[in-house]
Amino acid sequence: MNPFAMMKDAKNMEKMLKPALEKFMKESGFIKKDELEPLKRRIAELEAEVNKLKR
């Protein structure tokens, strides 16, 4: 067994699987933490505006 060939095969598998994994995660509702934080801030801002309008 050639360890260099194994590493090359592993990298090729990663290249093939990464897009499929990202598509699965996007379609199944998973979200990255760095994408979630700005959305949380925006929700808080909108809730504050709605509460202002209610008063």
N, C-alpha and C. Protein backbone atom coordinates (compact mmCIF):
# COMPACT_ATOMS: atom_id res chain seq x y z
N MET A 1 0.84 -1.19 0.00
CA MET A 1 0.00 0.00 0.00
C MET A 1 0.88 1.25 0.00
N ASN A 2 0.49 2.15 -0.82
CA ASN A 2 1.22 3.41 -0.92
C ASN A 2 0.45 4.49 -0.14
N PRO A 3 1.05 5.04 0.91
CA PRO A 3 0.33 6.05 1.71
C PRO A 3 0.02 7.32 0.91
N PHE A 4 0.87 7.65 -0.06
CA PHE A 4 0.60 8.84 -0.87
C PHE A 4 -0.63 8.64 -1.75
N ALA A 5 -0.78 7.46 -2.28
CA ALA A 5 -1.96 7.16 -3.09
C ALA A 5 -3.22 7.18 -2.22
N MET A 6 -3.11 6.71 -1.00
CA MET A 6 -4.26 6.73 -0.10
C MET A 6 -4.68 8.17 0.21
N MET A 7 -3.70 9.05 0.43
CA MET A 7 -4.02 10.45 0.73
C MET A 7 -4.67 11.11 -0.50
N LYS A 8 -4.18 10.79 -1.67
CA LYS A 8 -4.75 11.34 -2.90
C LYS A 8 -6.20 10.87 -3.05
N ASP A 9 -6.44 9.60 -2.77
CA ASP A 9 -7.81 9.07 -2.84
C ASP A 9 -8.71 9.74 -1.82
N ALA A 10 -8.19 9.96 -0.62
CA ALA A 10 -8.99 10.61 0.43
C ALA A 10 -9.35 12.03 0.03
N LYS A 11 -8.41 12.76 -0.56
CA LYS A 11 -8.70 14.13 -1.01
C LYS A 11 -9.74 14.13 -2.13
N ASN A 12 -9.64 13.17 -3.04
CA ASN A 12 -10.63 13.09 -4.11
C ASN A 12 -12.02 12.77 -3.57
N MET A 13 -12.08 11.90 -2.58
CA MET A 13 -13.37 11.57 -1.96
C MET A 13 -13.95 12.81 -1.28
N GLU A 14 -13.09 13.56 -0.60
CA GLU A 14 -13.56 14.78 0.07
C GLU A 14 -14.12 15.77 -0.95
N LYS A 15 -13.45 15.92 -2.09
CA LYS A 15 -13.92 16.83 -3.13
C LYS A 15 -15.29 16.41 -3.65
N MET A 16 -15.52 15.11 -3.74
CA MET A 16 -16.81 14.63 -4.23
C MET A 16 -17.90 14.75 -3.17
N LEU A 17 -17.57 14.49 -1.92
CA LEU A 17 -18.58 14.44 -0.87
C LEU A 17 -18.95 15.82 -0.31
N LYS A 18 -18.02 16.76 -0.34
CA LYS A 18 -18.28 18.05 0.28
C LYS A 18 -19.49 18.76 -0.31
N PRO A 19 -19.61 18.89 -1.64
CA PRO A 19 -20.81 19.55 -2.18
C PRO A 19 -22.11 18.82 -1.83
N ALA A 20 -22.06 17.50 -1.84
CA ALA A 20 -23.26 16.73 -1.50
C ALA A 20 -23.64 16.94 -0.04
N LEU A 21 -22.65 16.98 0.84
CA LEU A 21 -22.92 17.21 2.26
C LEU A 21 -23.48 18.61 2.48
N GLU A 22 -22.91 19.60 1.83
CA GLU A 22 -23.41 20.97 1.98
C GLU A 22 -24.84 21.08 1.47
N LYS A 23 -25.14 20.44 0.36
CA LYS A 23 -26.51 20.47 -0.17
C LYS A 23 -27.48 19.79 0.80
N PHE A 24 -27.08 18.66 1.35
CA PHE A 24 -27.93 17.96 2.31
C PHE A 24 -28.18 18.83 3.54
N MET A 25 -27.12 19.47 4.06
CA MET A 25 -27.27 20.29 5.25
C MET A 25 -28.18 21.49 4.97
N LYS A 26 -28.05 22.08 3.80
CA LYS A 26 -28.89 23.23 3.46
C LYS A 26 -30.35 22.83 3.34
N GLU A 27 -30.61 21.70 2.70
CA GLU A 27 -31.98 21.25 2.48
C GLU A 27 -32.63 20.69 3.73
N SER A 28 -31.83 20.21 4.68
CA SER A 28 -32.41 19.60 5.87
C SER A 28 -32.58 20.59 7.02
N GLY A 29 -32.18 21.85 6.81
CA GLY A 29 -32.43 22.87 7.83
C GLY A 29 -31.24 23.18 8.71
N PHE A 30 -30.11 22.55 8.51
CA PHE A 30 -28.93 22.89 9.29
C PHE A 30 -28.43 24.26 8.84
N ILE A 31 -27.84 25.00 9.77
CA ILE A 31 -27.31 26.32 9.43
C ILE A 31 -26.00 26.52 10.17
N LYS A 32 -25.08 27.24 9.55
CA LYS A 32 -23.79 27.50 10.17
C LYS A 32 -23.95 28.58 11.22
N LYS A 33 -23.18 28.49 12.29
CA LYS A 33 -23.30 29.44 13.40
C LYS A 33 -23.03 30.87 12.95
N ASP A 34 -22.04 31.06 12.08
CA ASP A 34 -21.72 32.42 11.64
C ASP A 34 -22.82 33.01 10.75
N GLU A 35 -23.67 32.19 10.19
CA GLU A 35 -24.82 32.68 9.44
C GLU A 35 -26.00 32.98 10.37
N LEU A 36 -26.03 32.33 11.50
CA LEU A 36 -27.15 32.46 12.43
C LEU A 36 -27.09 33.75 13.25
N GLU A 37 -25.90 34.16 13.66
CA GLU A 37 -25.76 35.33 14.54
C GLU A 37 -26.33 36.61 13.93
N PRO A 38 -26.01 36.95 12.67
CA PRO A 38 -26.62 38.17 12.10
C PRO A 38 -28.14 38.09 12.03
N LEU A 39 -28.67 36.90 11.78
CA LEU A 39 -30.12 36.74 11.73
C LEU A 39 -30.74 36.96 13.10
N LYS A 40 -30.09 36.48 14.15
CA LYS A 40 -30.60 36.71 15.50
C LYS A 40 -30.63 38.19 15.83
N ARG A 41 -29.56 38.91 15.45
CA ARG A 41 -29.52 40.35 15.71
C ARG A 41 -30.64 41.06 14.96
N ARG A 42 -30.87 40.67 13.73
CA ARG A 42 -31.92 41.30 12.92
C ARG A 42 -33.30 41.03 13.52
N ILE A 43 -33.51 39.84 14.01
CA ILE A 43 -34.79 39.51 14.66
C ILE A 43 -35.00 40.38 15.88
N ALA A 44 -33.96 40.56 16.68
CA ALA A 44 -34.06 41.41 17.87
C ALA A 44 -34.39 42.85 17.48
N GLU A 45 -33.77 43.35 16.41
CA GLU A 45 -34.06 44.71 15.95
C GLU A 45 -35.51 44.84 15.50
N LEU A 46 -35.99 43.86 14.75
CA LEU A 46 -37.37 43.91 14.26
C LEU A 46 -38.37 43.80 15.41
N GLU A 47 -38.06 42.96 16.41
CA GLU A 47 -38.95 42.85 17.56
C GLU A 47 -39.02 44.17 18.32
N ALA A 48 -37.89 44.85 18.43
CA ALA A 48 -37.87 46.16 19.11
C ALA A 48 -38.73 47.15 18.35
N GLU A 49 -38.64 47.16 17.01
CA GLU A 49 -39.46 48.08 16.21
C GLU A 49 -40.94 47.76 16.36
N VAL A 50 -41.29 46.48 16.36
CA VAL A 50 -42.70 46.09 16.52
C VAL A 50 -43.21 46.52 17.88
N ASN A 51 -42.40 46.34 18.92
CA ASN A 51 -42.83 46.75 20.26
C ASN A 51 -43.02 48.25 20.36
N LYS A 52 -42.19 49.04 19.63
CA LYS A 52 -42.35 50.48 19.61
C LYS A 52 -43.69 50.86 18.97
N LEU A 53 -44.02 50.19 17.89
CA LEU A 53 -45.25 50.51 17.17
C LEU A 53 -46.50 50.12 17.96
N LYS A 54 -46.40 49.12 18.79
CA LYS A 54 -47.54 48.66 19.58
C LYS A 54 -47.91 49.68 20.65
N ARG A 55 -46.95 50.46 21.12
CA ARG A 55 -47.21 51.39 22.23
C ARG A 55 -47.86 52.63 21.77
